[in-house]
């Protein structure tokens, strides 16, 4: 299993008293992907995978929040490489805390699984009958937000 993370992203998180009125939008810069191996990262930026020159951003926009802070489901549109599909993140929201600068802060963590082929990330190589790259990708999020 290969893990990586994106170093550059921005977004907006609105947590309403009525969870169904909450909203999240995240824009991620594809070329900020870091898997810890420069040659692999370079290949991931090509048309075989993300085609970062043509599709420089990945985006998630929520459509619905349901559940409670300890068991959220966030339905939304995930766009990768020009393809948009519905996904559901299973998430948890922390309690609001005051940070060292006296600002109110919350954290949200969650995960979902996608089939990378559906998003046009289908490059693969077969070695002795075994695919080099699996189709299922787990996306984990862990974000802190400061109250505006």
Protein backbone atom coordinates (compact mmCIF):
# COMPACT_ATOMS: atom_id res chain seq x y z
CA UNK A 1 0.00 0.00 0.00
CA UNK A 2 1.26 3.44 -0.92
CA UNK A 3 0.30 6.50 1.10
CA UNK A 4 0.56 10.13 0.14
CA UNK A 5 -0.75 13.51 1.10
CA UNK A 6 -1.48 16.83 -0.53
CA UNK A 7 0.47 19.79 0.84
CA UNK A 8 -1.59 22.60 -0.74
CA UNK A 9 -5.34 22.97 -0.39
CA UNK A 10 -7.92 25.50 0.69
CA UNK A 11 -11.57 25.47 1.48
CA UNK A 12 -14.50 26.53 3.58
CA UNK A 13 -16.17 24.57 6.36
CA UNK A 14 -19.49 25.79 7.76
CA UNK A 15 -20.87 23.88 10.73
CA UNK A 16 -24.42 24.98 11.48
CA UNK A 17 -26.36 24.26 14.70
CA UNK A 18 -28.65 22.12 12.51
CA UNK A 19 -26.12 19.71 10.97
CA UNK A 20 -28.18 19.42 7.75
CA UNK A 21 -27.41 23.11 7.05
CA UNK A 22 -23.63 22.55 7.21
CA UNK A 23 -21.40 22.78 4.14
CA UNK A 24 -17.82 22.04 3.10
CA UNK A 25 -15.85 22.84 -0.03
CA UNK A 26 -12.22 21.82 -0.55
CA UNK A 27 -9.90 22.59 -3.49
CA UNK A 28 -6.66 20.62 -3.63
CA UNK A 29 -3.64 21.37 -5.81
CA UNK A 30 -2.75 18.12 -7.54
CA UNK A 31 0.94 19.01 -7.98
CA UNK A 32 1.29 19.21 -4.19
CA UNK A 33 0.95 15.42 -3.88
CA UNK A 34 3.78 13.84 -1.90
CA UNK A 35 4.13 10.06 -1.65
CA UNK A 36 7.71 10.22 -0.41
CA UNK A 37 9.15 9.03 -3.73
CA UNK A 38 9.93 11.75 -6.31
CA UNK A 39 9.87 9.51 -9.41
CA UNK A 40 6.48 8.08 -8.46
CA UNK A 41 5.13 11.58 -7.76
CA UNK A 42 6.35 12.74 -11.17
CA UNK A 43 4.57 9.80 -12.86
CA UNK A 44 1.36 10.56 -10.91
CA UNK A 45 1.34 14.07 -12.43
CA UNK A 46 1.31 12.71 -16.01
CA UNK A 47 -1.71 11.85 -18.18
CA UNK A 48 -1.37 8.23 -16.96
CA UNK A 49 -2.87 9.41 -13.68
CA UNK A 50 -3.84 12.97 -12.65
CA UNK A 51 -2.71 14.89 -15.78
CA UNK A 52 -1.89 17.82 -13.49
CA UNK A 53 -1.09 20.26 -16.32
CA UNK A 54 -4.60 19.87 -17.73
CA UNK A 55 -6.43 19.24 -14.42
CA UNK A 56 -4.48 21.13 -11.72
CA UNK A 57 -7.11 20.82 -9.00
CA UNK A 58 -9.22 18.21 -7.29
CA UNK A 59 -12.44 19.45 -5.68
CA UNK A 60 -15.01 18.26 -3.15
CA UNK A 61 -18.29 20.12 -2.62
CA UNK A 62 -20.77 18.80 -0.09
CA UNK A 63 -24.44 18.37 -0.92
CA UNK A 64 -25.74 17.05 2.41
CA UNK A 65 -24.61 16.51 6.01
CA UNK A 66 -26.46 13.98 8.16
CA UNK A 67 -25.94 12.39 11.54
CA UNK A 68 -24.20 13.77 14.60
CA UNK A 69 -20.72 15.10 15.33
CA UNK A 70 -19.53 11.58 16.25
CA UNK A 71 -21.10 9.90 13.23
CA UNK A 72 -21.39 12.25 10.28
CA UNK A 73 -22.13 11.29 6.72
CA UNK A 74 -21.12 13.95 4.22
CA UNK A 75 -22.50 13.40 0.73
CA UNK A 76 -20.92 15.45 -2.00
CA UNK A 77 -19.41 15.78 -5.45
CA UNK A 78 -15.79 14.74 -5.83
CA UNK A 79 -14.12 15.99 -9.02
CA UNK A 80 -10.86 14.43 -10.15
CA UNK A 81 -9.40 14.81 -13.63
CA UNK A 82 -12.58 16.41 -14.97
CA UNK A 83 -14.88 13.64 -13.72
CA UNK A 84 -17.42 14.36 -10.98
CA UNK A 85 -19.03 11.59 -8.92
CA UNK A 86 -21.02 11.42 -5.69
CA UNK A 87 -19.09 10.11 -2.70
CA UNK A 88 -19.94 9.81 0.99
CA UNK A 89 -17.39 10.61 3.66
CA UNK A 90 -17.86 8.95 7.05
CA UNK A 91 -16.64 11.66 9.42
CA UNK A 92 -16.30 12.93 12.98
CA UNK A 93 -16.30 16.52 14.17
CA UNK A 94 -14.39 17.62 17.25
CA UNK A 95 -15.75 19.94 19.89
CA UNK A 96 -14.93 23.62 19.48
CA UNK A 97 -11.81 24.62 21.45
CA UNK A 98 -9.86 27.81 22.04
CA UNK A 99 -6.36 27.67 20.60
CA UNK A 100 -3.28 29.44 22.01
CA UNK A 101 -4.21 32.59 20.07
CA UNK A 102 -7.70 32.62 21.64
CA UNK A 103 -9.33 31.66 18.35
CA UNK A 104 -12.15 29.13 18.17
CA UNK A 105 -11.06 26.00 16.32
CA UNK A 106 -12.65 22.69 15.28
CA UNK A 107 -11.33 19.61 13.53
CA UNK A 108 -13.00 17.19 11.15
CA UNK A 109 -11.71 13.77 10.17
CA UNK A 110 -13.22 11.36 7.70
CA UNK A 111 -12.73 8.79 5.00
CA UNK A 112 -14.25 7.40 1.85
CA UNK A 113 -13.24 4.83 -0.76
CA UNK A 114 -13.29 5.34 -4.51
CA UNK A 115 -12.52 3.28 -7.58
CA UNK A 116 -9.70 5.19 -9.31
CA UNK A 117 -10.73 3.89 -12.76
CA UNK A 118 -14.03 5.80 -12.48
CA UNK A 119 -12.02 9.05 -12.28
CA UNK A 120 -9.77 8.27 -15.26
CA UNK A 121 -6.76 7.24 -13.15
CA UNK A 122 -6.62 3.86 -14.81
CA UNK A 123 -2.95 3.34 -15.71
CA UNK A 124 -1.67 -0.05 -14.64
CA UNK A 125 0.99 -2.58 -15.39
CA UNK A 126 0.62 -6.35 -15.06
CA UNK A 127 3.62 -8.18 -13.61
CA UNK A 128 3.41 -11.98 -13.61
CA UNK A 129 -0.38 -11.75 -13.88
CA UNK A 130 -0.75 -9.35 -10.95
CA UNK A 131 -1.74 -5.69 -11.38
CA UNK A 132 0.87 -3.28 -10.05
CA UNK A 133 -1.76 -0.75 -8.89
CA UNK A 134 -5.03 -1.61 -7.11
CA UNK A 135 -8.28 0.05 -8.14
CA UNK A 136 -9.59 0.93 -4.68
CA UNK A 137 -8.26 4.13 -3.12
CA UNK A 138 -9.04 5.28 0.41
CA UNK A 139 -9.21 9.04 0.85
CA UNK A 140 -8.64 10.29 4.38
CA UNK A 141 -9.28 13.86 5.48
CA UNK A 142 -8.06 15.57 8.60
CA UNK A 143 -8.60 19.31 8.74
CA UNK A 144 -8.66 21.98 11.41
CA UNK A 145 -10.70 25.12 10.85
CA UNK A 146 -10.58 28.48 12.61
CA UNK A 147 -13.83 30.32 13.17
CA UNK A 148 -14.10 33.33 10.88
